[in-house]
Amino acid sequence: MLNTPFIPVSAPVHRRRLTRLETAFIARRNVLEIIPSFAYRQPIVSGDILVRWHMLADPAGMKRVMLDNLANYPKSEIMRRMLRPAIGESLFNADGPDWKWQRQAVAPVFTHRNVVALAPAMTVTAERAIARLRQSGGRAELVKEMLTATFDVICDVALSGREHFDSETFAKAITQYFQTAGRASLLDFLGFPEWFPRPGELLAGSSVRTMHSMVAAAIEARRNHATGKADDLLDYMLAAQDPETGQRMSPQDLIHNMQFFIVAGHETTALALSWALYLLANSPEQQLRARAEVAAQLNGRTAEASDLAAMPFIQQVLEEAMRLYPPVGLLARNVLAEDELCGRVMKPNDILFLPIWALHRHELLWDRPEMFDPDRFDPGKGPKRDKYQYLPFGAGPRVCVGANFAMMQAGIILASLIQRFRFRPSQPAPHPVMTMTVRPEPGVFLELQAIE
């Protein structure tokens, strides 16, 4: 353990009970701020805003919700409505049998063999990122850079190329969507019925059309010029069939699923990389340690998949970055039937929040949870933890199907960048803000010095 651990930026914590109106306005600004202080030191917190709600930050409770009694806790309609304009009833939004057959359709793309086969594209992406950063003039905003880097790879996974995509236009459309449909609506907190249109859904129309038009063009091109050799995500989706009903994906289903995988597949990795670089830039000792490990293995070349096992500290940095800044900081579930969590009765129609942000910073679960300490993920020396204590990719049957893909890509890119550049913090400093994902606002600005 180093003597000068870094305490990174966090979200404000409210220590008094918020009114319904305060909660609504704060949730629109930053969902992380509605998590009460008690949620960081108690296993479960409950309250009442129109409906009875609970916030669960307990590993045993998480296991019951995500595995043992999964069917009793479907995604809340509020979350589904935020996502529906962009991804419809695709894999992320679906429940039950509809979810199961879609999951079976895409899972082969993310087998270890297929992910390893994509590693050369990840290495090329890292080299392109290095070249761009060398032209940055010594200062760069890393979120934009990492989104550009990871976009190329997810397009290879999904579509065997990105000729139908303008990455900058697509990225702007994603951000616009997050800022409109992706924000909590005041109408939800005022009790308006679910059928009543939310302003964010209407304002998101242009961003949805932009994203869907690019995805649709790629799908149409594949249909017209299919060779049978691509073996990518789109191929598997075109061939997918529900074994029980014979159902295939409709054209709209294809667009929605491709949209979800393209956005989630590069956003998660880019954010993990951006936060990791922010943490290392502010922790000189840890950055030196990471660089020494990488240099010993790579000796000047760009990282490949086969190098990752010899660079465990890079993995630890990424895991600690996703503990402090999980891709999604808060999930919501509906309660269908009476159940018990942490000794508290869950009643039908209650809302159950799963504050991953608070779980990862919980005082009962982590030693000095506010500090940046990659050694807590050292498999040999770090403290033992419950499987459901650390959930950057979820858990149970609905665990993120692309988790291994994301970690391999992040490891290759982070190792390659740390070898080539020294990073130092710059202004403005980032602040974690969650609409759909936990993004650093206004970005991660770093000074960088090339290492020859």
Protein backbone atom coordinates (compact mmCIF):
# COMPACT_ATOMS: atom_id res chain seq x y z
CA MET A 1 0.00 0.00 0.00
CA LEU A 2 1.40 3.39 -0.98
CA ASN A 3 1.59 6.13 1.62
CA THR A 4 -0.19 8.87 -0.32
CA PRO A 5 -3.49 7.45 -1.61
CA PHE A 6 -5.53 9.79 -3.75
CA ILE A 7 -9.09 10.73 -2.75
CA PRO A 8 -10.85 11.23 -6.09
CA VAL A 9 -13.86 13.38 -6.81
CA SER A 10 -17.27 12.05 -5.79
CA ALA A 11 -20.90 13.11 -6.06
CA PRO A 12 -22.47 15.40 -3.43
CA VAL A 13 -24.26 13.51 -0.64
CA HIS A 14 -27.40 14.97 0.92
CA ARG A 15 -27.71 14.40 4.64
CA ARG A 16 -31.31 15.50 5.03
CA ARG A 17 -34.52 14.14 3.60
CA LEU A 18 -35.35 15.68 0.22
CA THR A 19 -38.84 16.76 -0.74
CA ARG A 20 -40.52 15.23 -3.77
CA LEU A 21 -39.89 18.37 -5.82
CA GLU A 22 -36.24 18.60 -4.73
CA THR A 23 -35.73 14.95 -5.64
CA ALA A 24 -37.23 15.54 -9.09
CA PHE A 25 -34.99 18.49 -9.90
CA ILE A 26 -31.86 16.88 -8.46
CA ALA A 27 -32.50 13.63 -10.36
CA ARG A 28 -32.69 15.57 -13.61
CA ARG A 29 -29.35 17.19 -12.85
CA ASN A 30 -27.50 14.14 -11.50
CA VAL A 31 -29.13 10.87 -10.45
CA LEU A 32 -26.22 10.09 -8.10
CA GLU A 33 -27.23 12.99 -5.85
CA ILE A 34 -30.56 11.44 -4.87
CA ILE A 35 -28.75 8.62 -3.04
CA PRO A 36 -29.11 9.50 0.68
CA SER A 37 -26.18 9.40 3.07
CA PHE A 38 -27.70 6.45 4.95
CA ALA A 39 -27.37 4.30 1.81
CA TYR A 40 -23.57 4.42 2.18
CA ARG A 41 -23.63 2.85 5.65
CA GLN A 42 -26.83 0.79 5.93
CA PRO A 43 -27.84 -2.30 3.95
CA ILE A 44 -31.25 -0.92 3.00
CA VAL A 45 -33.00 2.47 3.18
CA SER A 46 -36.72 3.04 2.54
CA GLY A 47 -39.00 6.00 1.93
CA ASP A 48 -42.12 7.20 0.20
CA ILE A 49 -42.51 9.49 -2.83
CA LEU A 50 -45.92 8.74 -4.37
CA VAL A 51 -44.98 5.06 -4.03
CA ARG A 52 -43.01 3.16 -1.42
CA TRP A 53 -39.34 2.84 -2.40
CA HIS A 54 -36.23 1.10 -1.11
CA MET A 55 -32.51 1.47 -1.80
CA LEU A 56 -30.61 -1.79 -1.42
CA ALA A 57 -26.82 -1.86 -0.93
CA ASP A 58 -26.26 -5.32 0.49
CA PRO A 59 -24.53 -8.23 -1.30
CA ALA A 60 -26.94 -10.92 -0.06
CA GLY A 61 -29.89 -8.75 -1.06
CA MET A 62 -28.34 -8.10 -4.48
CA LYS A 63 -27.96 -11.83 -5.02
CA ARG A 64 -31.63 -12.40 -4.26
CA VAL A 65 -32.71 -9.65 -6.66
CA MET A 66 -30.29 -10.51 -9.47
CA LEU A 67 -30.28 -14.30 -9.19
CA ASP A 68 -32.40 -16.17 -6.64
CA ASN A 69 -35.67 -14.30 -7.20
CA LEU A 70 -34.90 -12.50 -10.46
CA ALA A 71 -38.41 -12.85 -11.94
CA ASN A 72 -39.90 -10.90 -9.04
CA TYR A 73 -37.85 -7.79 -9.82
CA PRO A 74 -38.25 -6.73 -13.48
CA LYS A 75 -36.82 -3.45 -14.74
CA SER A 76 -38.87 -0.45 -13.67
CA GLU A 77 -41.07 1.23 -16.25
CA ILE A 78 -39.30 4.56 -15.65
CA MET A 79 -35.96 3.11 -16.79
CA ARG A 80 -37.53 1.24 -19.68
CA ARG A 81 -39.30 4.38 -20.87
CA MET A 82 -36.04 6.36 -20.86
CA LEU A 83 -34.46 3.78 -23.13
CA ARG A 84 -37.39 2.73 -25.29
CA PRO A 85 -37.14 5.45 -27.98
CA ALA A 86 -33.60 4.33 -28.78
CA ILE A 87 -33.56 0.60 -28.11
CA GLY A 88 -37.23 -0.47 -28.01
CA GLU A 89 -37.74 -3.91 -26.47
CA SER A 90 -34.23 -5.10 -27.30
CA LEU A 91 -32.06 -7.27 -25.07
CA PHE A 92 -31.43 -4.65 -22.37
CA ASN A 93 -35.09 -3.67 -22.02
CA ALA A 94 -36.70 -7.09 -22.50
CA ASP A 95 -37.78 -9.47 -19.73
CA GLY A 96 -38.74 -13.12 -19.53
CA PRO A 97 -38.81 -15.35 -22.64
CA ASP A 98 -38.30 -12.39 -24.98
CA TRP A 99 -35.06 -11.55 -23.19
CA LYS A 100 -33.92 -15.18 -23.08
CA TRP A 101 -34.00 -15.90 -26.82
CA GLN A 102 -32.37 -12.57 -27.70
CA ARG A 103 -29.59 -13.29 -25.19
CA GLN A 104 -29.03 -16.71 -26.72
CA ALA A 105 -28.82 -15.12 -30.16
CA VAL A 106 -25.99 -12.71 -29.32
CA ALA A 107 -24.00 -14.71 -26.75
CA PRO A 108 -21.85 -16.59 -29.35
CA VAL A 109 -20.34 -13.30 -30.54
CA PHE A 110 -18.78 -12.74 -27.12
CA THR A 111 -17.28 -16.17 -26.48
CA HIS A 112 -13.64 -16.06 -25.41
CA ARG A 113 -12.50 -17.38 -28.79
CA ASN A 114 -14.32 -14.65 -30.70
CA VAL A 115 -13.21 -11.89 -28.35
CA VAL A 116 -9.56 -12.95 -28.64
CA ALA A 117 -9.94 -12.92 -32.43
CA LEU A 118 -10.85 -9.23 -32.16
CA ALA A 119 -7.76 -8.35 -30.13
CA PRO A 120 -5.66 -7.28 -33.16
CA ALA A 121 -8.30 -4.64 -33.95
CA MET A 122 -8.01 -3.43 -30.35
CA THR A 123 -4.24 -3.12 -30.74
CA VAL A 124 -4.66 -1.10 -33.96
CA THR A 125 -7.16 1.12 -32.14
CA ALA A 126 -4.62 1.75 -29.37
CA GLU A 127 -2.02 2.73 -31.96
CA ARG A 128 -4.44 5.20 -33.56
CA ALA A 129 -5.21 6.71 -30.16
CA ILE A 130 -1.48 7.15 -29.49
CA ALA A 131 -1.04 8.89 -32.85
CA ARG A 132 -3.94 11.28 -32.17
CA LEU A 133 -2.67 12.13 -28.70
CA ARG A 134 0.80 12.88 -30.08
CA GLN A 135 -0.87 15.61 -32.16
CA SER A 136 -2.81 17.06 -29.22
CA GLY A 137 -0.30 19.76 -28.30
CA GLY A 138 0.32 18.39 -24.81
CA ARG A 139 -3.25 18.63 -23.51
CA ALA A 140 -6.31 16.57 -24.39
CA GLU A 141 -9.86 15.81 -23.32
CA LEU A 142 -9.77 12.05 -22.83
CA VAL A 143 -13.46 11.12 -22.90
CA LYS A 144 -13.78 12.21 -26.52
CA GLU A 145 -10.52 10.47 -27.39
CA MET A 146 -11.53 7.21 -25.73
CA LEU A 147 -15.00 7.25 -27.30
CA THR A 148 -13.35 7.61 -30.71
CA ALA A 149 -10.97 4.74 -29.93
CA THR A 150 -13.60 2.30 -28.72
CA PHE A 151 -16.13 3.15 -31.44
CA ASP A 152 -13.97 1.57 -34.14
CA VAL A 153 -13.73 -1.73 -32.29
CA ILE A 154 -17.43 -2.08 -31.48
CA CYS A 155 -18.23 -1.41 -35.13
CA ASP A 156 -15.91 -4.28 -36.07
CA VAL A 157 -17.69 -6.53 -33.56
CA ALA A 158 -21.18 -5.52 -34.62
CA LEU A 159 -20.82 -4.84 -38.33
CA SER A 160 -17.32 -5.85 -39.44
CA GLY A 161 -16.58 -2.19 -40.16
CA ARG A 162 -17.83 1.37 -39.75
CA GLU A 163 -18.24 2.60 -43.34
CA HIS A 164 -21.86 3.60 -42.63
CA PHE A 165 -21.02 5.57 -39.48
CA ASP A 166 -19.74 9.05 -38.81
CA SER A 167 -18.36 8.61 -35.30
CA GLU A 168 -18.53 12.30 -34.40
CA THR A 169 -22.16 12.67 -35.54
CA PHE A 170 -23.13 9.43 -33.80
CA ALA A 171 -21.41 10.52 -30.57
CA LYS A 172 -23.21 13.88 -30.58
CA ALA A 173 -26.52 12.08 -31.08
CA ILE A 174 -25.80 9.79 -28.11
CA THR A 175 -25.02 12.77 -25.88
CA GLN A 176 -28.16 14.60 -27.03
CA TYR A 177 -30.24 11.53 -26.27
CA PHE A 178 -28.75 11.20 -22.78
CA GLN A 179 -29.51 14.87 -22.13
CA THR A 180 -33.18 14.57 -23.19
CA ALA A 181 -34.88 11.17 -22.97
CA GLY A 182 -32.14 9.92 -20.64
CA ARG A 183 -32.98 12.38 -17.87
CA ALA A 184 -35.55 11.66 -15.18
CA SER A 185 -38.81 13.45 -15.91
CA LEU A 186 -40.47 15.77 -13.43
CA LEU A 187 -43.77 14.18 -14.49
CA ASP A 188 -42.67 10.84 -13.02
CA PHE A 189 -42.31 12.43 -9.59
CA LEU A 190 -45.64 14.25 -9.91
CA GLY A 191 -47.52 11.03 -10.52
CA PHE A 192 -48.49 11.52 -14.17
CA PRO A 193 -49.70 8.28 -15.80
CA GLU A 194 -47.24 6.22 -17.82
CA TRP A 195 -49.09 6.83 -21.10
CA PHE A 196 -48.64 10.62 -20.80
CA PRO A 197 -45.78 11.73 -23.11
CA ARG A 198 -42.63 12.98 -21.39
CA PRO A 199 -40.97 16.08 -22.88
CA GLY A 200 -37.58 14.32 -23.04
CA GLU A 201 -38.98 11.62 -25.30
CA LEU A 202 -40.21 14.26 -27.74
CA LEU A 203 -36.95 16.24 -27.64
CA ALA A 204 -34.93 13.08 -28.30
CA GLY A 205 -36.57 12.49 -31.68
CA SER A 206 -33.83 13.99 -33.84
CA SER A 207 -31.02 12.14 -32.05
CA VAL A 208 -32.89 8.83 -32.37
CA ARG A 209 -33.45 9.41 -36.09
CA THR A 210 -29.75 10.18 -36.58
CA MET A 211 -28.59 7.02 -34.81
CA HIS A 212 -31.23 4.72 -36.29
CA SER A 213 -30.60 5.93 -39.84
CA MET A 214 -26.93 4.95 -39.63
CA VAL A 215 -27.74 1.56 -38.11
CA ALA A 216 -30.48 0.91 -40.68
CA ALA A 217 -28.12 1.76 -43.55
CA ALA A 218 -25.57 -0.74 -42.26
CA ILE A 219 -28.22 -3.47 -41.89
CA GLU A 220 -29.61 -2.83 -45.38
CA ALA A 221 -26.13 -2.96 -46.90
CA ARG A 222 -25.51 -6.33 -45.25
CA ARG A 223 -28.79 -7.71 -46.54
CA ASN A 224 -27.93 -6.57 -50.08
CA HIS A 225 -24.31 -7.68 -50.09
CA ALA A 226 -24.12 -10.53 -47.57
CA THR A 227 -21.25 -12.93 -48.25
CA GLY A 228 -21.77 -15.24 -45.29
CA LYS A 229 -18.18 -14.60 -44.13
CA ALA A 230 -18.54 -11.69 -41.70
CA ASP A 231 -19.53 -13.79 -38.64
CA ASP A 232 -20.24 -10.65 -36.61
CA LEU A 233 -23.06 -9.58 -34.29
CA LEU A 234 -25.34 -8.58 -37.16
CA ASP A 235 -24.90 -12.01 -38.78
CA TYR A 236 -25.99 -13.73 -35.58
CA MET A 237 -28.98 -11.42 -35.20
CA LEU A 238 -30.10 -11.95 -38.79
CA ALA A 239 -30.00 -15.71 -38.23
CA ALA A 240 -31.52 -15.66 -34.72
CA GLN A 241 -34.73 -17.57 -34.14
CA ASP A 242 -36.73 -18.23 -30.98
CA PRO A 243 -36.50 -22.03 -30.56
CA GLU A 244 -40.00 -22.21 -29.05
CA THR A 245 -42.01 -19.85 -31.25
CA GLY A 246 -39.89 -19.67 -34.40
CA GLN A 247 -39.90 -15.86 -34.08
CA ARG A 248 -37.15 -13.90 -35.82
CA MET A 249 -36.04 -10.35 -35.25
CA SER A 250 -38.10 -7.83 -37.17
CA PRO A 251 -36.33 -4.98 -38.99
CA GLN A 252 -37.11 -2.74 -36.01
CA ASP A 253 -35.80 -5.37 -33.55
CA LEU A 254 -32.54 -5.49 -35.49
CA ILE A 255 -32.15 -1.71 -35.39
CA HIS A 256 -32.91 -1.55 -31.66
CA ASN A 257 -30.51 -4.36 -30.73
CA MET A 258 -27.71 -3.06 -32.92
CA GLN A 259 -28.25 0.41 -31.50
CA PHE A 260 -27.98 -0.88 -27.95
CA PHE A 261 -24.79 -2.89 -28.55
CA ILE A 262 -23.03 -0.12 -30.45
CA VAL A 263 -23.76 2.46 -27.72
CA ALA A 264 -23.19 0.22 -24.69
CA GLY A 265 -20.25 -1.57 -26.30
CA HIS A 266 -18.08 1.49 -26.64
CA GLU A 267 -19.49 3.87 -24.00
CA THR A 268 -18.70 1.56 -21.06
CA THR A 269 -15.11 0.93 -22.11
CA ALA A 270 -14.43 4.56 -22.96
CA LEU A 271 -15.69 5.73 -19.57
CA ALA A 272 -13.64 3.12 -17.70
CA LEU A 273 -10.52 4.25 -19.58
CA SER A 274 -11.23 7.95 -19.04
CA TRP A 275 -11.76 7.55 -15.30
CA ALA A 276 -8.69 5.28 -15.02
CA LEU A 277 -6.49 7.88 -16.72
CA TYR A 278 -7.91 10.61 -14.44
CA LEU A 279 -7.05 8.48 -11.39
CA LEU A 280 -3.53 7.68 -12.56
CA ALA A 281 -2.86 11.29 -13.56
CA ASN A 282 -3.63 12.29 -9.97
CA SER A 283 -1.65 9.41 -8.45
CA PRO A 284 1.96 9.74 -9.66
CA GLU A 285 3.22 6.74 -7.68
CA GLN A 286 0.52 4.48 -9.06
CA GLN A 287 1.14 5.76 -12.57
CA LEU A 288 4.86 4.97 -12.26
CA ARG A 289 4.03 1.50 -10.97
CA ALA A 290 1.69 0.86 -13.90
CA ARG A 291 4.25 2.12 -16.41
CA ALA A 292 7.02 -0.03 -14.95
CA GLU A 293 4.85 -3.14 -15.22
CA VAL A 294 3.86 -2.32 -18.80
CA ALA A 295 7.41 -1.46 -19.91
CA ALA A 296 8.75 -4.73 -18.53
CA GLN A 297 6.24 -6.70 -20.60
CA LEU A 298 5.93 -4.65 -23.80
CA ASN A 299 9.42 -3.17 -24.23
CA GLY A 300 8.10 -0.42 -26.50
CA ARG A 301 5.54 -2.30 -28.60
CA THR A 302 1.77 -1.87 -28.43
CA ALA A 303 -0.12 -4.23 -26.13
CA GLU A 304 -1.82 -7.38 -27.38
CA ALA A 305 -4.30 -9.74 -25.73
CA SER A 306 -1.55 -12.22 -24.86
CA ASP A 307 0.22 -9.54 -22.77
CA LEU A 308 -2.64 -8.87 -20.35
CA ALA A 309 -1.99 -11.81 -18.00
CA ALA A 310 1.51 -10.45 -17.37
CA MET A 311 0.16 -6.99 -16.45
CA PRO A 312 -2.15 -7.61 -13.47
CA PHE A 313 -1.79 -4.09 -12.08
CA ILE A 314 -3.38 -2.65 -15.23
CA GLN A 315 -6.38 -4.89 -14.53
CA GLN A 316 -6.44 -3.74 -10.90
CA VAL A 317 -6.46 -0.07 -11.95
CA LEU A 318 -9.39 -0.65 -14.29
CA GLU A 319 -11.33 -2.58 -11.65
CA GLU A 320 -10.75 0.13 -9.06
CA ALA A 321 -11.79 2.79 -11.60
CA MET A 322 -15.06 0.93 -12.16
CA ARG A 323 -15.58 0.55 -8.43
CA LEU A 324 -15.30 4.29 -7.93
CA TYR A 325 -17.12 5.12 -11.17
CA PRO A 326 -19.37 2.23 -12.23
CA PRO A 327 -20.74 2.64 -15.77
CA VAL A 328 -24.30 2.75 -14.42
CA GLY A 329 -24.61 4.08 -10.88
CA LEU A 330 -28.27 3.36 -10.14
CA LEU A 331 -30.73 0.74 -11.38
CA ALA A 332 -34.45 0.50 -10.64
CA ARG A 333 -36.71 -2.53 -10.32
CA ASN A 334 -40.41 -3.07 -9.78
CA VAL A 335 -41.58 -5.46 -7.06
CA LEU A 336 -44.17 -7.94 -8.33
CA ALA A 337 -44.90 -10.08 -5.28
CA GLU A 338 -44.22 -9.80 -1.56
CA ASP A 339 -40.66 -10.68 -0.61
CA GLU A 340 -38.13 -9.90 2.10
CA LEU A 341 -34.76 -8.19 1.68
CA CYS A 342 -32.45 -7.47 4.62
CA GLY A 343 -35.35 -8.15 6.99
CA ARG A 344 -37.59 -5.62 5.28
CA VAL A 345 -40.81 -6.57 3.52
CA MET A 346 -41.06 -5.72 -0.17
CA LYS A 347 -44.67 -5.26 -1.25
CA PRO A 348 -46.17 -5.44 -4.74
CA ASN A 349 -45.70 -2.19 -6.71
CA ASP A 350 -42.87 -0.97 -4.48
CA ILE A 351 -39.89 0.50 -6.34
CA LEU A 352 -36.52 -1.04 -5.54
CA PHE A 353 -33.44 1.00 -6.36
CA LEU A 354 -30.07 -0.72 -6.70
CA PRO A 355 -27.52 2.05 -6.05
CA ILE A 356 -24.37 0.44 -7.47
CA TRP A 357 -22.60 3.75 -6.78
CA ALA A 358 -23.32 3.45 -3.03
CA LEU A 359 -22.65 -0.31 -2.97
CA HIS A 360 -19.15 0.33 -4.35
CA ARG A 361 -18.50 3.02 -1.72
CA HIS A 362 -20.26 1.38 1.23
CA GLU A 363 -18.62 1.87 4.61
CA LEU A 364 -19.53 -1.64 5.79
CA LEU A 365 -18.08 -3.33 2.70
CA TRP A 366 -14.88 -1.47 1.81
CA ASP A 367 -11.86 -0.22 3.73
CA ARG A 368 -11.49 3.53 3.13
CA PRO A 369 -13.98 3.35 0.24
CA GLU A 370 -13.43 6.96 -0.83
CA MET A 371 -9.77 6.35 -1.72
CA PHE A 372 -8.17 5.18 -4.95
CA ASP A 373 -6.45 1.93 -4.04
CA PRO A 374 -5.90 -0.61 -6.87
CA ASP A 375 -4.36 -3.04 -4.38
CA ARG A 376 -7.80 -3.88 -3.04
CA PHE A 377 -8.18 -5.88 -6.30
CA ASP A 378 -4.87 -7.72 -5.96
CA PRO A 379 -6.02 -11.37 -6.22
CA GLY A 380 -3.22 -12.54 -3.95
CA LYS A 381 -3.10 -9.83 -1.30
CA GLY A 382 -6.35 -7.90 -1.52
CA PRO A 383 -9.20 -8.48 0.94
CA LYS A 384 -11.77 -11.11 0.05
CA ARG A 385 -15.09 -9.72 -1.12
CA ASP A 386 -18.54 -11.02 -1.87
CA LYS A 387 -19.31 -11.64 -5.54
CA TYR A 388 -22.32 -9.34 -5.25
CA GLN A 389 -20.36 -6.53 -3.59
CA TYR A 390 -18.75 -5.37 -6.84
CA LEU A 391 -21.11 -5.11 -9.80
CA PRO A 392 -19.78 -2.90 -12.62
CA PHE A 393 -21.30 -5.30 -15.17
CA GLY A 394 -24.25 -6.56 -13.12
CA ALA A 395 -24.56 -10.20 -12.05
CA GLY A 396 -26.67 -13.30 -12.42
CA PRO A 397 -28.28 -14.33 -15.72
CA ARG A 398 -28.41 -10.70 -16.87
CA VAL A 399 -24.71 -9.99 -16.35
CA CYS A 400 -23.32 -7.92 -19.23
CA VAL A 401 -22.72 -10.29 -22.13
CA GLY A 402 -19.78 -8.18 -23.34
CA ALA A 403 -17.91 -7.80 -20.05
CA ASN A 404 -14.85 -9.80 -21.17
CA PHE A 405 -14.74 -7.87 -24.44
CA ALA A 406 -14.83 -4.55 -22.58
CA MET A 407 -12.08 -5.51 -20.13
CA MET A 408 -9.77 -6.86 -22.85
CA GLN A 409 -10.15 -3.71 -24.92
CA ALA A 410 -9.66 -1.44 -21.91
CA GLY A 411 -6.55 -3.34 -20.81
CA ILE A 412 -4.92 -3.18 -24.24
CA ILE A 413 -5.59 0.54 -24.66
CA LEU A 414 -4.67 1.60 -21.11
CA ALA A 415 -1.38 -0.33 -21.11
CA SER A 416 -0.42 1.10 -24.49
CA LEU A 417 -1.19 4.70 -23.48
CA ILE A 418 0.59 4.50 -20.12
CA GLN A 419 3.72 3.26 -21.87
CA ARG A 420 3.73 6.15 -24.35
CA PHE A 421 2.66 9.13 -22.22
CA ARG A 422 3.04 10.70 -18.80
CA PHE A 423 -0.30 12.08 -17.67
CA ARG A 424 -0.88 14.98 -15.27
CA PRO A 425 -4.14 16.60 -14.17
CA SER A 426 -5.41 19.74 -15.85
CA GLN A 427 -8.38 22.04 -15.43
CA PRO A 428 -11.32 21.95 -15.35
CA ALA A 429 -11.53 18.99 -12.99
CA PRO A 430 -14.16 16.35 -13.76
CA HIS A 431 -17.29 15.70 -11.72
CA PRO A 432 -19.27 12.44 -11.91
CA VAL A 433 -22.74 13.05 -13.34
CA MET A 434 -25.21 10.29 -14.13
CA THR A 435 -28.02 10.59 -16.62
CA MET A 436 -27.88 7.18 -18.33
CA THR A 437 -24.21 6.47 -17.52
CA VAL A 438 -21.70 7.96 -15.07
CA ARG A 439 -19.85 10.46 -17.21
CA PRO A 440 -17.15 12.92 -16.10
CA GLU A 441 -18.40 16.45 -16.67
CA PRO A 442 -17.24 18.56 -18.42
CA GLY A 443 -14.70 15.90 -19.39
CA VAL A 444 -11.31 14.50 -18.35
CA PHE A 445 -8.74 17.16 -19.28
CA LEU A 446 -5.15 16.01 -18.85
CA GLU A 447 -1.71 17.26 -19.71
CA LEU A 448 0.40 14.64 -21.42
CA GLN A 449 4.05 14.28 -22.25
CA ALA A 450 5.17 11.79 -24.89
CA ILE A 451 7.73 9.22 -23.80
CA GLU A 452 10.20 8.45 -26.59
